[in-house]
C-alpha atoms as a PDB file:
ATOM      1  CA  UNK A   1      18.610  -6.595  21.560  1.00  0.00           C
ATOM      2  CA  UNK A   2      20.709  -6.211  18.729  1.00  0.00           C
ATOM      3  CA  UNK A   3      20.071  -2.920  16.429  1.00  0.00           C
ATOM      4  CA  UNK A   4      19.925  -4.574  13.169  1.00  0.00           C
ATOM      5  CA  UNK A   5      18.560  -2.794  10.326  1.00  0.00           C
ATOM      6  CA  UNK A   6      17.644  -3.255   6.651  1.00  0.00           C
ATOM      7  CA  UNK A   7      19.444  -0.296   4.557  1.00  0.00           C
ATOM      8  CA  UNK A   8      20.302  -1.893   1.595  1.00  0.00           C
ATOM      9  CA  UNK A   9      18.963  -2.803  -1.706  1.00  0.00           C
ATOM     10  CA  UNK A  10      16.453  -5.494  -0.509  1.00  0.00           C
ATOM     11  CA  UNK A  11      14.994  -2.905   2.170  1.00  0.00           C
ATOM     12  CA  UNK A  12      11.972  -0.517   2.081  1.00  0.00           C
ATOM     13  CA  UNK A  13      13.022   2.455   0.105  1.00  0.00           C
ATOM     14  CA  UNK A  14      11.806   6.105   0.379  1.00  0.00           C
ATOM     15  CA  UNK A  15      11.428   7.947  -2.769  1.00  0.00           C
ATOM     16  CA  UNK A  16      11.670  11.816  -2.529  1.00  0.00           C
ATOM     17  CA  UNK A  17      10.436  13.707  -5.786  1.00  0.00           C
ATOM     18  CA  UNK A  18      12.016  16.907  -6.054  1.00  0.00           C
ATOM     19  CA  UNK A  19      10.583  19.919  -7.920  1.00  0.00           C
ATOM     20  CA  UNK A  20      13.498  19.904 -10.319  1.00  0.00           C
ATOM     21  CA  UNK A  21      12.100  16.439 -11.641  1.00  0.00           C
ATOM     22  CA  UNK A  22      14.809  14.257  -9.847  1.00  0.00           C
ATOM     23  CA  UNK A  23      14.236  11.563  -7.321  1.00  0.00           C
ATOM     24  CA  UNK A  24      16.291  10.419  -4.420  1.00  0.00           C
ATOM     25  CA  UNK A  25      16.036   7.152  -2.982  1.00  0.00           C
ATOM     26  CA  UNK A  26      16.828   6.493   0.690  1.00  0.00           C
ATOM     27  CA  UNK A  27      16.481   3.330   2.381  1.00  0.00           C
ATOM     28  CA  UNK A  28      14.458   3.333   5.622  1.00  0.00           C
ATOM     29  CA  UNK A  29      15.676   2.205   8.976  1.00  0.00           C
ATOM     30  CA  UNK A  30      13.507  -0.628   9.968  1.00  0.00           C
ATOM     31  CA  UNK A  31      14.250  -3.246  12.178  1.00  0.00           C
ATOM     32  CA  UNK A  32      14.355  -6.946  11.228  1.00  0.00           C
ATOM     33  CA  UNK A  33      11.758  -7.511  13.961  1.00  0.00           C
ATOM     34  CA  UNK A  34       9.386  -4.921  12.352  1.00  0.00           C
ATOM     35  CA  UNK A  35      10.245  -6.572   8.808  1.00  0.00           C
ATOM     36  CA  UNK A  36       9.044  -9.751  10.164  1.00  0.00           C
ATOM     37  CA  UNK A  37       6.019  -8.549  11.771  1.00  0.00           C
ATOM     38  CA  UNK A  38       5.164  -6.897   8.371  1.00  0.00           C
ATOM     39  CA  UNK A  39       5.632 -10.069   6.341  1.00  0.00           C
ATOM     40  CA  UNK A  40       3.347 -11.777   9.022  1.00  0.00           C
ATOM     41  CA  UNK A  41       0.586  -8.993   9.098  1.00  0.00           C
ATOM     42  CA  UNK A  42       0.330  -7.866   5.783  1.00  0.00           C
ATOM     43  CA  UNK A  43      -2.214 -10.011   3.856  1.00  0.00           C
ATOM     44  CA  UNK A  44      -2.840  -9.604   0.139  1.00  0.00           C
ATOM     45  CA  UNK A  45      -6.108 -10.984  -1.628  1.00  0.00           C
ATOM     46  CA  UNK A  46      -6.806 -11.032  -5.474  1.00  0.00           C
ATOM     47  CA  UNK A  47     -10.012  -9.258  -6.386  1.00  0.00           C
ATOM     48  CA  UNK A  48     -10.150 -10.484  -9.827  1.00  0.00           C
ATOM     49  CA  UNK A  49     -10.772  -7.192 -11.385  1.00  0.00           C
ATOM     50  CA  UNK A  50      -8.875  -4.820 -13.136  1.00  0.00           C
ATOM     51  CA  UNK A  51      -8.658  -1.223 -13.708  1.00  0.00           C
ATOM     52  CA  UNK A  52      -6.592   0.995 -16.047  1.00  0.00           C
ATOM     53  CA  UNK A  53      -4.086   2.996 -14.154  1.00  0.00           C
ATOM     54  CA  UNK A  54      -3.132   5.037 -17.167  1.00  0.00           C
ATOM     55  CA  UNK A  55      -6.587   6.530 -17.548  1.00  0.00           C
ATOM     56  CA  UNK A  56      -6.846   7.376 -13.747  1.00  0.00           C
ATOM     57  CA  UNK A  57      -3.169   8.747 -13.776  1.00  0.00           C
ATOM     58  CA  UNK A  58      -3.772  10.940 -17.001  1.00  0.00           C
ATOM     59  CA  UNK A  59      -6.788  12.232 -15.581  1.00  0.00           C
ATOM     60  CA  UNK A  60      -4.781  13.129 -12.354  1.00  0.00           C
ATOM     61  CA  UNK A  61      -2.256  14.754 -14.053  1.00  0.00           C
ATOM     62  CA  UNK A  62      -4.564  16.954 -16.162  1.00  0.00           C
ATOM     63  CA  UNK A  63      -6.341  18.081 -12.886  1.00  0.00           C
ATOM     64  CA  UNK A  64      -3.043  18.687 -11.045  1.00  0.00           C
ATOM     65  CA  UNK A  65      -1.989  20.881 -14.295  1.00  0.00           C
ATOM     66  CA  UNK A  66      -4.791  22.873 -14.099  1.00  0.00           C
ATOM     67  CA  UNK A  67      -4.198  23.555 -10.326  1.00  0.00           C
ATOM     68  CA  UNK A  68      -7.766  22.214  -9.299  1.00  0.00           C
ATOM     69  CA  UNK A  69      -8.004  22.961  -5.869  1.00  0.00           C
ATOM     70  CA  UNK A  70      -9.390  19.672  -4.714  1.00  0.00           C
ATOM     71  CA  UNK A  71      -6.681  17.443  -6.365  1.00  0.00           C
ATOM     72  CA  UNK A  72      -3.950  19.569  -4.943  1.00  0.00           C
ATOM     73  CA  UNK A  73      -5.091  19.460  -1.321  1.00  0.00           C
ATOM     74  CA  UNK A  74      -5.680  15.671  -1.845  1.00  0.00           C
ATOM     75  CA  UNK A  75      -2.277  15.047  -3.173  1.00  0.00           C
ATOM     76  CA  UNK A  76      -0.429  17.225  -0.574  1.00  0.00           C
ATOM     77  CA  UNK A  77      -2.537  15.209   2.129  1.00  0.00           C
ATOM     78  CA  UNK A  78      -1.426  11.999   0.809  1.00  0.00           C
ATOM     79  CA  UNK A  79       2.229  13.500   0.927  1.00  0.00           C
ATOM     80  CA  UNK A  80       1.845  14.216   4.346  1.00  0.00           C
ATOM     81  CA  UNK A  81       0.545  10.482   5.092  1.00  0.00           C
ATOM     82  CA  UNK A  82       3.818   9.448   3.193  1.00  0.00           C
ATOM     83  CA  UNK A  83       5.856  10.986   5.822  1.00  0.00           C
ATOM     84  CA  UNK A  84       3.793   9.928   8.683  1.00  0.00           C
ATOM     85  CA  UNK A  85       3.908   6.138   7.383  1.00  0.00           C
ATOM     86  CA  UNK A  86       7.742   6.677   7.080  1.00  0.00           C
ATOM     87  CA  UNK A  87       7.763   7.539  11.050  1.00  0.00           C
ATOM     88  CA  UNK A  88       5.431   4.688  11.676  1.00  0.00           C
ATOM     89  CA  UNK A  89       7.643   2.134  10.040  1.00  0.00           C
ATOM     90  CA  UNK A  90      10.997   3.235  11.248  1.00  0.00           C
ATOM     91  CA  UNK A  91       9.526   3.134  14.933  1.00  0.00           C
ATOM     92  CA  UNK A  92       8.404  -0.269  14.281  1.00  0.00           C
ATOM     93  CA  UNK A  93       4.380   0.980  14.883  1.00  0.00           C
ATOM     94  CA  UNK A  94       2.647  -1.470  12.411  1.00  0.00           C
ATOM     95  CA  UNK A  95      -0.976  -0.452  13.926  1.00  0.00           C
ATOM     96  CA  UNK A  96      -0.268   3.269  13.042  1.00  0.00           C
ATOM     97  CA  UNK A  97       0.847   2.214   9.462  1.00  0.00           C
ATOM     98  CA  UNK A  98      -2.467   0.336   9.023  1.00  0.00           C
ATOM     99  CA  UNK A  99      -4.269   3.210   9.978  1.00  0.00           C
ATOM    100  CA  UNK A 100      -2.401   5.323   7.752  1.00  0.00           C
ATOM    101  CA  UNK A 101      -2.941   3.128   5.096  1.00  0.00           C
ATOM    102  CA  UNK A 102      -6.696   3.092   5.538  1.00  0.00           C
ATOM    103  CA  UNK A 103      -6.507   7.170   5.606  1.00  0.00           C
ATOM    104  CA  UNK A 104      -4.455   6.992   2.302  1.00  0.00           C
ATOM    105  CA  UNK A 105      -7.128   4.656   0.683  1.00  0.00           C
ATOM    106  CA  UNK A 106      -9.845   7.018   1.483  1.00  0.00           C
ATOM    107  CA  UNK A 107      -7.948   9.982   0.149  1.00  0.00           C
ATOM    108  CA  UNK A 108      -7.090   8.182  -3.059  1.00  0.00           C
ATOM    109  CA  UNK A 109     -10.690   7.000  -3.814  1.00  0.00           C
ATOM    110  CA  UNK A 110     -11.825  10.549  -3.828  1.00  0.00           C
ATOM    111  CA  UNK A 111      -9.382  11.381  -6.769  1.00  0.00           C
ATOM    112  CA  UNK A 112     -11.198   9.222  -9.247  1.00  0.00           C
ATOM    113  CA  UNK A 113     -14.676   7.324  -9.108  1.00  0.00           C
ATOM    114  CA  UNK A 114     -12.704   4.658 -11.244  1.00  0.00           C
ATOM    115  CA  UNK A 115     -10.511   3.803  -8.308  1.00  0.00           C
ATOM    116  CA  UNK A 116     -12.702   1.140  -6.868  1.00  0.00           C
ATOM    117  CA  UNK A 117     -15.980  -0.341  -7.409  1.00  0.00           C
ATOM    118  CA  UNK A 118     -19.078  -1.410  -5.066  1.00  0.00           C
ATOM    119  CA  UNK A 119     -17.731  -4.999  -4.647  1.00  0.00           C
ATOM    120  CA  UNK A 120     -14.155  -3.757  -3.718  1.00  0.00           C
ATOM    121  CA  UNK A 121     -15.714  -1.374  -1.288  1.00  0.00           C
ATOM    122  CA  UNK A 122     -17.785  -4.122   0.381  1.00  0.00           C
ATOM    123  CA  UNK A 123     -14.953  -6.557   0.628  1.00  0.00           C
ATOM    124  CA  UNK A 124     -12.790  -3.800   2.136  1.00  0.00           C
ATOM    125  CA  UNK A 125     -15.373  -2.799   4.749  1.00  0.00           C
ATOM    126  CA  UNK A 126     -15.772  -6.453   5.791  1.00  0.00           C
ATOM    127  CA  UNK A 127     -12.129  -6.995   6.040  1.00  0.00           C
ATOM    128  CA  UNK A 128     -11.979  -3.950   8.374  1.00  0.00           C
ATOM    129  CA  UNK A 129     -14.678  -5.260  10.496  1.00  0.00           C
ATOM    130  CA  UNK A 130     -12.974  -8.718  10.560  1.00  0.00           C
ATOM    131  CA  UNK A 131      -9.407  -8.382  11.591  1.00  0.00           C
ATOM    132  CA  UNK A 132      -7.959  -5.592   9.492  1.00  0.00           C
ATOM    133  CA  UNK A 133      -6.845  -2.152  10.778  1.00  0.00           C
ATOM    134  CA  UNK A 134      -6.361  -0.835   7.589  1.00  0.00           C
ATOM    135  CA  UNK A 135      -5.682  -1.239   3.753  1.00  0.00           C
ATOM    136  CA  UNK A 136      -6.073  -0.269  -0.029  1.00  0.00           C
ATOM    137  CA  UNK A 137      -6.290  -1.517  -3.330  1.00  0.00           C
ATOM    138  CA  UNK A 138      -3.103  -2.046  -4.961  1.00  0.00           C
ATOM    139  CA  UNK A 139      -1.721  -3.336  -8.350  1.00  0.00           C
ATOM    140  CA  UNK A 140      -3.293  -0.970 -10.739  1.00  0.00           C
ATOM    141  CA  UNK A 141      -3.389  -1.737 -14.507  1.00  0.00           C
ATOM    142  CA  UNK A 142      -2.591  -5.479 -13.925  1.00  0.00           C
ATOM    143  CA  UNK A 143      -5.359  -6.201 -11.736  1.00  0.00           C
ATOM    144  CA  UNK A 144      -6.395  -5.231  -8.089  1.00  0.00           C
ATOM    145  CA  UNK A 145      -5.295  -6.740  -4.807  1.00  0.00           C
ATOM    146  CA  UNK A 146      -6.658  -5.736  -1.483  1.00  0.00           C
ATOM    147  CA  UNK A 147      -3.729  -5.433   0.925  1.00  0.00           C
ATOM    148  CA  UNK A 148      -4.529  -5.142   4.517  1.00  0.00           C
ATOM    149  CA  UNK A 149      -2.658  -4.922   7.697  1.00  0.00           C
ATOM    150  CA  UNK A 150      -3.991  -7.415   9.904  1.00  0.00           C
ATOM    151  CA  UNK A 151      -4.499  -6.787  14.004  1.00  0.00           C
ATOM    152  CA  UNK A 152      -6.098 -10.562  13.636  1.00  0.00           C
ATOM    153  CA  UNK A 153      -4.768 -12.244  10.487  1.00  0.00           C
ATOM    154  CA  UNK A 154      -6.614 -15.534  11.094  1.00  0.00           C
ATOM    155  CA  UNK A 155      -9.853 -13.993  11.243  1.00  0.00           C
ATOM    156  CA  UNK A 156      -9.194 -11.678   8.268  1.00  0.00           C
ATOM    157  CA  UNK A 157      -7.934 -14.573   6.259  1.00  0.00           C
ATOM    158  CA  UNK A 158     -10.855 -16.687   6.822  1.00  0.00           C
ATOM    159  CA  UNK A 159     -13.202 -13.776   6.199  1.00  0.00           C
ATOM    160  CA  UNK A 160     -11.974 -12.925   2.681  1.00  0.00           C
ATOM    161  CA  UNK A 161     -11.413 -16.707   1.507  1.00  0.00           C
ATOM    162  CA  UNK A 162     -14.981 -17.216   2.622  1.00  0.00           C
ATOM    163  CA  UNK A 163     -15.793 -14.391   0.198  1.00  0.00           C
ATOM    164  CA  UNK A 164     -14.140 -16.227  -2.568  1.00  0.00           C
ATOM    165  CA  UNK A 165     -10.785 -14.180  -2.623  1.00  0.00           C
ATOM    166  CA  UNK A 166      -7.763 -15.754  -3.199  1.00  0.00           C
ATOM    167  CA  UNK A 167      -4.972 -15.151  -0.734  1.00  0.00           C
ATOM    168  CA  UNK A 168      -1.776 -14.269  -2.542  1.00  0.00           C
ATOM    169  CA  UNK A 169       1.357 -15.203  -0.160  1.00  0.00           C
ATOM    170  CA  UNK A 170       4.549 -13.254  -0.314  1.00  0.00           C
ATOM    171  CA  UNK A 171       7.601 -12.437   1.287  1.00  0.00           C
ATOM    172  CA  UNK A 172      10.116  -9.483   1.250  1.00  0.00           C
ATOM    173  CA  UNK A 173      13.403 -10.251  -1.004  1.00  0.00           C
ATOM    174  CA  UNK A 174      16.138  -8.741   0.268  1.00  0.00           C
ATOM    175  CA  UNK A 175      18.550  -9.937  -2.443  1.00  0.00           C
ATOM    176  CA  UNK A 176      17.846  -7.190  -5.107  1.00  0.00           C
ATOM    177  CA  UNK A 177      16.667  -7.459  -8.522  1.00  0.00           C
ATOM    178  CA  UNK A 178      16.662 -11.102 -10.154  1.00  0.00           C
ATOM    179  CA  UNK A 179      15.900 -12.223 -13.795  1.00  0.00           C
ATOM    180  CA  UNK A 180      13.974 -15.411 -13.681  1.00  0.00           C
ATOM    181  CA  UNK A 181      13.700 -17.433 -16.768  1.00  0.00           C
ATOM    182  CA  UNK A 182      11.082 -20.019 -17.604  1.00  0.00           C
ATOM    183  CA  UNK A 183      10.747 -22.440 -20.473  1.00  0.00           C
END
């Protein structure tokens, strides 16, 4: 088996935020096999809902600056989940990555009641009962997308589409940033 890894501009990058307000970017060492498995088993569904990322993040920042114990504890837990997610991805364990994604979503929802709504929560539970091992809402500000890590992608896909959600198919891009013009 060839040890071929994604470690360039098209790969998945780990961002480390330092106390001096600098950020370092380090490519994760993820095998091509794992990348292809992720492409096959990460499913994205458009919810039709939007939410304001700005107001959610502003509230989180204010609460952090006030040193509110619950928000700081939550953010530290999420940071730890990031480290564990990195390990899961680099070891090729997508099931563990999905479980960690679920745990992250549960902690994220506790930071703000505006993070989700009842319909999204219902769809999420339905997805978890029908083929997903984890997931979360992504795309704050521009609309909400439920992203799931699937153990049974066909069952998950059929269930969510039957609920009226549109699947958004995607592929990872390894060519870096491109400017696309349309007329």
